[in-house]
PDB file of N, CA and C in Angstrom:
ATOM      1  N   MET A   1     -61.910 -39.721  17.644  1.00  0.00           N
ATOM      2  CA  MET A   1     -63.317 -39.318  17.562  1.00  0.00           C
ATOM      3  C   MET A   1     -63.451 -38.290  16.435  1.00  0.00           C
ATOM      4  N   THR A   2     -64.418 -38.480  15.599  1.00  0.00           N
ATOM      5  CA  THR A   2     -64.620 -37.563  14.494  1.00  0.00           C
ATOM      6  C   THR A   2     -65.312 -36.293  14.970  1.00  0.00           C
ATOM      7  N   GLU A   3     -65.283 -35.271  14.132  1.00  0.00           N
ATOM      8  CA  GLU A   3     -65.955 -34.015  14.492  1.00  0.00           C
ATOM      9  C   GLU A   3     -67.449 -34.226  14.687  1.00  0.00           C
ATOM     10  N   ALA A   4     -68.054 -35.061  13.860  1.00  0.00           N
ATOM     11  CA  ALA A   4     -69.492 -35.326  13.994  1.00  0.00           C
ATOM     12  C   ALA A   4     -69.796 -35.978  15.340  1.00  0.00           C
ATOM     13  N   GLY A   5     -68.963 -36.898  15.760  1.00  0.00           N
ATOM     14  CA  GLY A   5     -69.147 -37.554  17.045  1.00  0.00           C
ATOM     15  C   GLY A   5     -69.009 -36.583  18.203  1.00  0.00           C
ATOM     16  N   TYR A   6     -68.103 -35.645  18.063  1.00  0.00           N
ATOM     17  CA  TYR A   6     -67.908 -34.621  19.095  1.00  0.00           C
ATOM     18  C   TYR A   6     -69.178 -33.788  19.247  1.00  0.00           C
ATOM     19  N   PHE A   7     -69.759 -33.355  18.139  1.00  0.00           N
ATOM     20  CA  PHE A   7     -70.972 -32.540  18.190  1.00  0.00           C
ATOM     21  C   PHE A   7     -72.171 -33.332  18.716  1.00  0.00           C
ATOM     22  N   VAL A   8     -72.256 -34.588  18.362  1.00  0.00           N
ATOM     23  CA  VAL A   8     -73.345 -35.434  18.866  1.00  0.00           C
ATOM     24  C   VAL A   8     -73.217 -35.602  20.376  1.00  0.00           C
ATOM     25  N   GLY A   9     -72.010 -35.836  20.860  1.00  0.00           N
ATOM     26  CA  GLY A   9     -71.782 -35.985  22.293  1.00  0.00           C
ATOM     27  C   GLY A   9     -72.085 -34.710  23.062  1.00  0.00           C
ATOM     28  N   TRP A  10     -71.654 -33.572  22.519  1.00  0.00           N
ATOM     29  CA  TRP A  10     -71.907 -32.275  23.168  1.00  0.00           C
ATOM     30  C   TRP A  10     -73.407 -31.986  23.199  1.00  0.00           C
ATOM     31  N   GLY A  11     -74.102 -32.274  22.107  1.00  0.00           N
ATOM     32  CA  GLY A  11     -75.551 -32.069  22.048  1.00  0.00           C
ATOM     33  C   GLY A  11     -76.298 -32.981  22.999  1.00  0.00           C
ATOM     34  N   THR A  12     -75.835 -34.221  23.110  1.00  0.00           N
ATOM     35  CA  THR A  12     -76.446 -35.162  24.038  1.00  0.00           C
ATOM     36  C   THR A  12     -76.268 -34.691  25.479  1.00  0.00           C
ATOM     37  N   LEU A  13     -75.094 -34.188  25.799  1.00  0.00           N
ATOM     38  CA  LEU A  13     -74.847 -33.658  27.137  1.00  0.00           C
ATOM     39  C   LEU A  13     -75.768 -32.476  27.425  1.00  0.00           C
ATOM     40  N   ALA A  14     -76.008 -31.630  26.437  1.00  0.00           N
ATOM     41  CA  ALA A  14     -76.909 -30.489  26.620  1.00  0.00           C
ATOM     42  C   ALA A  14     -78.331 -30.956  26.930  1.00  0.00           C
ATOM     43  N   VAL A  15     -78.783 -31.993  26.259  1.00  0.00           N
ATOM     44  CA  VAL A  15     -80.123 -32.545  26.517  1.00  0.00           C
ATOM     45  C   VAL A  15     -80.187 -33.153  27.918  1.00  0.00           C
ATOM     46  N   ILE A  16     -79.152 -33.867  28.318  1.00  0.00           N
ATOM     47  CA  ILE A  16     -79.111 -34.458  29.660  1.00  0.00           C
ATOM     48  C   ILE A  16     -79.122 -33.356  30.720  1.00  0.00           C
ATOM     49  N   ASN A  17     -78.361 -32.295  30.500  1.00  0.00           N
ATOM     50  CA  ASN A  17     -78.328 -31.184  31.453  1.00  0.00           C
ATOM     51  C   ASN A  17     -79.689 -30.510  31.569  1.00  0.00           C
ATOM     52  N   ALA A  18     -80.389 -30.382  30.468  1.00  0.00           N
ATOM     53  CA  ALA A  18     -81.732 -29.799  30.512  1.00  0.00           C
ATOM     54  C   ALA A  18     -82.646 -30.660  31.381  1.00  0.00           C
ATOM     55  N   GLY A  19     -82.515 -31.968  31.268  1.00  0.00           N
ATOM     56  CA  GLY A  19     -83.299 -32.873  32.098  1.00  0.00           C
ATOM     57  C   GLY A  19     -82.904 -32.804  33.564  1.00  0.00           C
ATOM     58  N   LEU A  20     -81.623 -32.591  33.849  1.00  0.00           N
ATOM     59  CA  LEU A  20     -81.167 -32.457  35.231  1.00  0.00           C
ATOM     60  C   LEU A  20     -81.637 -31.148  35.852  1.00  0.00           C
ATOM     61  N   ALA A  21     -81.789 -30.117  35.046  1.00  0.00           N
ATOM     62  CA  ALA A  21     -82.158 -28.798  35.557  1.00  0.00           C
ATOM     63  C   ALA A  21     -83.624 -28.735  35.991  1.00  0.00           C
ATOM     64  N   GLN A  22     -84.493 -29.433  35.304  1.00  0.00           N
ATOM     65  CA  GLN A  22     -85.929 -29.339  35.587  1.00  0.00           C
ATOM     66  C   GLN A  22     -86.313 -29.725  37.015  1.00  0.00           C
ATOM     67  N   PRO A  23     -85.853 -30.840  37.556  1.00  0.00           N
ATOM     68  CA  PRO A  23     -86.251 -31.177  38.932  1.00  0.00           C
ATOM     69  C   PRO A  23     -85.732 -30.187  39.979  1.00  0.00           C
ATOM     70  N   LYS A  24     -84.728 -29.403  39.615  1.00  0.00           N
ATOM     71  CA  LYS A  24     -84.187 -28.405  40.546  1.00  0.00           C
ATOM     72  C   LYS A  24     -84.904 -27.066  40.404  1.00  0.00           C
ATOM     73  N   GLY A  25     -85.975 -27.024  39.606  1.00  0.00           N
ATOM     74  CA  GLY A  25     -86.766 -25.809  39.459  1.00  0.00           C
ATOM     75  C   GLY A  25     -86.165 -24.803  38.495  1.00  0.00           C
ATOM     76  N   ARG A  26     -85.317 -25.245  37.624  1.00  0.00           N
ATOM     77  CA  ARG A  26     -84.661 -24.346  36.675  1.00  0.00           C
ATOM     78  C   ARG A  26     -85.201 -24.570  35.268  1.00  0.00           C
ATOM     79  N   SER A  27     -85.054 -23.572  34.433  1.00  0.00           N
ATOM     80  CA  SER A  27     -85.573 -23.617  33.073  1.00  0.00           C
ATOM     81  C   SER A  27     -84.791 -24.618  32.212  1.00  0.00           C
ATOM     82  N   ARG A  28     -85.521 -25.534  31.598  1.00  0.00           N
ATOM     83  CA  ARG A  28     -84.871 -26.517  30.722  1.00  0.00           C
ATOM     84  C   ARG A  28     -84.231 -25.842  29.518  1.00  0.00           C
ATOM     85  N   LEU A  29     -84.959 -24.898  28.913  1.00  0.00           N
ATOM     86  CA  LEU A  29     -84.437 -24.232  27.717  1.00  0.00           C
ATOM     87  C   LEU A  29     -83.188 -23.422  28.037  1.00  0.00           C
ATOM     88  N   ALA A  30     -83.227 -22.671  29.123  1.00  0.00           N
ATOM     89  CA  ALA A  30     -82.072 -21.848  29.501  1.00  0.00           C
ATOM     90  C   ALA A  30     -80.848 -22.724  29.757  1.00  0.00           C
ATOM     91  N   TRP A  31     -81.028 -23.815  30.477  1.00  0.00           N
ATOM     92  CA  TRP A  31     -79.888 -24.678  30.781  1.00  0.00           C
ATOM     93  C   TRP A  31     -79.438 -25.475  29.572  1.00  0.00           C
ATOM     94  N   TRP A  32     -80.327 -25.737  28.646  1.00  0.00           N
ATOM     95  CA  TRP A  32     -79.913 -26.379  27.401  1.00  0.00           C
ATOM     96  C   TRP A  32     -78.983 -25.441  26.629  1.00  0.00           C
ATOM     97  N   LEU A  33     -79.367 -24.164  26.568  1.00  0.00           N
ATOM     98  CA  LEU A  33     -78.526 -23.183  25.877  1.00  0.00           C
ATOM     99  C   LEU A  33     -77.191 -22.982  26.591  1.00  0.00           C
ATOM    100  N   VAL A  34     -77.224 -22.880  27.907  1.00  0.00           N
ATOM    101  CA  VAL A  34     -75.987 -22.742  28.685  1.00  0.00           C
ATOM    102  C   VAL A  34     -75.093 -23.955  28.461  1.00  0.00           C
ATOM    103  N   SER A  35     -75.699 -25.123  28.402  1.00  0.00           N
ATOM    104  CA  SER A  35     -74.934 -26.350  28.207  1.00  0.00           C
ATOM    105  C   SER A  35     -74.293 -26.408  26.827  1.00  0.00           C
ATOM    106  N   LEU A  36     -74.936 -25.841  25.836  1.00  0.00           N
ATOM    107  CA  LEU A  36     -74.317 -25.801  24.509  1.00  0.00           C
ATOM    108  C   LEU A  36     -73.040 -24.970  24.533  1.00  0.00           C
ATOM    109  N   LEU A  37     -73.016 -23.945  25.384  1.00  0.00           N
ATOM    110  CA  LEU A  37     -71.835 -23.081  25.475  1.00  0.00           C
ATOM    111  C   LEU A  37     -70.776 -23.631  26.432  1.00  0.00           C
ATOM    112  N   LEU A  38     -71.209 -24.147  27.584  1.00  0.00           N
ATOM    113  CA  LEU A  38     -70.267 -24.526  28.637  1.00  0.00           C
ATOM    114  C   LEU A  38     -70.018 -26.027  28.764  1.00  0.00           C
ATOM    115  N   GLY A  39     -70.908 -26.833  28.217  1.00  0.00           N
ATOM    116  CA  GLY A  39     -70.738 -28.282  28.251  1.00  0.00           C
ATOM    117  C   GLY A  39     -70.627 -28.848  29.653  1.00  0.00           C
ATOM    118  N   PRO A  40     -69.535 -29.552  29.961  1.00  0.00           N
ATOM    119  CA  PRO A  40     -69.378 -30.201  31.258  1.00  0.00           C
ATOM    120  C   PRO A  40     -69.386 -29.221  32.440  1.00  0.00           C
ATOM    121  N   LEU A  41     -68.968 -28.002  32.227  1.00  0.00           N
ATOM    122  CA  LEU A  41     -69.024 -27.004  33.307  1.00  0.00           C
ATOM    123  C   LEU A  41     -70.468 -26.721  33.709  1.00  0.00           C
ATOM    124  N   ALA A  42     -71.365 -26.728  32.746  1.00  0.00           N
ATOM    125  CA  ALA A  42     -72.785 -26.533  33.045  1.00  0.00           C
ATOM    126  C   ALA A  42     -73.314 -27.697  33.878  1.00  0.00           C
ATOM    127  N   THR A  43     -72.854 -28.900  33.597  1.00  0.00           N
ATOM    128  CA  THR A  43     -73.267 -30.059  34.384  1.00  0.00           C
ATOM    129  C   THR A  43     -72.857 -29.873  35.835  1.00  0.00           C
ATOM    130  N   MET A  44     -71.626 -29.423  36.045  1.00  0.00           N
ATOM    131  CA  MET A  44     -71.151 -29.198  37.406  1.00  0.00           C
ATOM    132  C   MET A  44     -71.989 -28.124  38.101  1.00  0.00           C
ATOM    133  N   LEU A  45     -72.323 -27.055  37.392  1.00  0.00           N
ATOM    134  CA  LEU A  45     -73.132 -25.993  37.982  1.00  0.00           C
ATOM    135  C   LEU A  45     -74.523 -26.495  38.378  1.00  0.00           C
ATOM    136  N   ILE A  46     -75.128 -27.282  37.517  1.00  0.00           N
ATOM    137  CA  ILE A  46     -76.464 -27.806  37.816  1.00  0.00           C
ATOM    138  C   ILE A  46     -76.426 -28.663  39.080  1.00  0.00           C
ATOM    139  N   VAL A  47     -75.399 -29.474  39.207  1.00  0.00           N
ATOM    140  CA  VAL A  47     -75.289 -30.368  40.353  1.00  0.00           C
ATOM    141  C   VAL A  47     -74.987 -29.586  41.636  1.00  0.00           C
ATOM    142  N   VAL A  48     -74.137 -28.562  41.553  1.00  0.00           N
ATOM    143  CA  VAL A  48     -73.682 -27.834  42.744  1.00  0.00           C
ATOM    144  C   VAL A  48     -74.685 -26.775  43.212  1.00  0.00           C
ATOM    145  N   LEU A  49     -75.359 -26.107  42.281  1.00  0.00           N
ATOM    146  CA  LEU A  49     -76.294 -25.041  42.672  1.00  0.00           C
ATOM    147  C   LEU A  49     -77.483 -25.617  43.432  1.00  0.00           C
ATOM    148  N   PRO A  50     -77.961 -24.879  44.436  1.00  0.00           N
ATOM    149  CA  PRO A  50     -79.111 -25.376  45.207  1.00  0.00           C
ATOM    150  C   PRO A  50     -80.403 -25.323  44.397  1.00  0.00           C
ATOM    151  N   GLU A  51     -81.374 -26.083  44.853  1.00  0.00           N
ATOM    152  CA  GLU A  51     -82.689 -26.104  44.214  1.00  0.00           C
ATOM    153  C   GLU A  51     -83.363 -24.753  44.372  1.00  0.00           C
ATOM    154  N   VAL A  52     -84.077 -24.327  43.331  1.00  0.00           N
ATOM    155  CA  VAL A  52     -84.783 -23.053  43.361  1.00  0.00           C
ATOM    156  C   VAL A  52     -86.127 -23.264  44.048  1.00  0.00           C
ATOM    157  N   SER A  53     -86.414 -22.447  45.053  1.00  0.00           N
ATOM    158  CA  SER A  53     -87.703 -22.566  45.720  1.00  0.00           C
ATOM    159  C   SER A  53     -88.762 -21.810  44.925  1.00  0.00           C
ATOM    160  N   PRO A  54     -89.981 -22.336  44.851  1.00  0.00           N
ATOM    161  CA  PRO A  54     -91.028 -21.656  44.095  1.00  0.00           C
ATOM    162  C   PRO A  54     -91.347 -20.298  44.723  1.00  0.00           C
ATOM    163  N   SER A  55     -91.554 -19.305  43.871  1.00  0.00           N
ATOM    164  CA  SER A  55     -91.865 -17.965  44.378  1.00  0.00           C
ATOM    165  C   SER A  55     -93.313 -17.925  44.857  1.00  0.00           C
ATOM    166  N   LYS A  56     -93.547 -17.184  45.930  1.00  0.00           N
ATOM    167  CA  LYS A  56     -94.899 -17.062  46.476  1.00  0.00           C
ATOM    168  C   LYS A  56     -95.536 -15.810  45.900  1.00  0.00           C
ATOM    169  N   GLN A  57     -96.694 -15.995  45.281  1.00  0.00           N
ATOM    170  CA  GLN A  57     -97.396 -14.855  44.673  1.00  0.00           C
ATOM    171  C   GLN A  57     -98.742 -14.692  45.282  1.00  0.00           C
TER     172      GLN A  57
END
């Protein structure tokens, strides 16, 4: 796998993680950034962490 392919795959995973985070009530942008740093570990965290309940104001 070339370096370019590695970066494309990592970036694609970050986009997928951002999409996985939204239905759980988490920030897409924050999880996209976390995914750029942690990659597959961020995916595991998104799946394992419980859904965020909406705050009552």
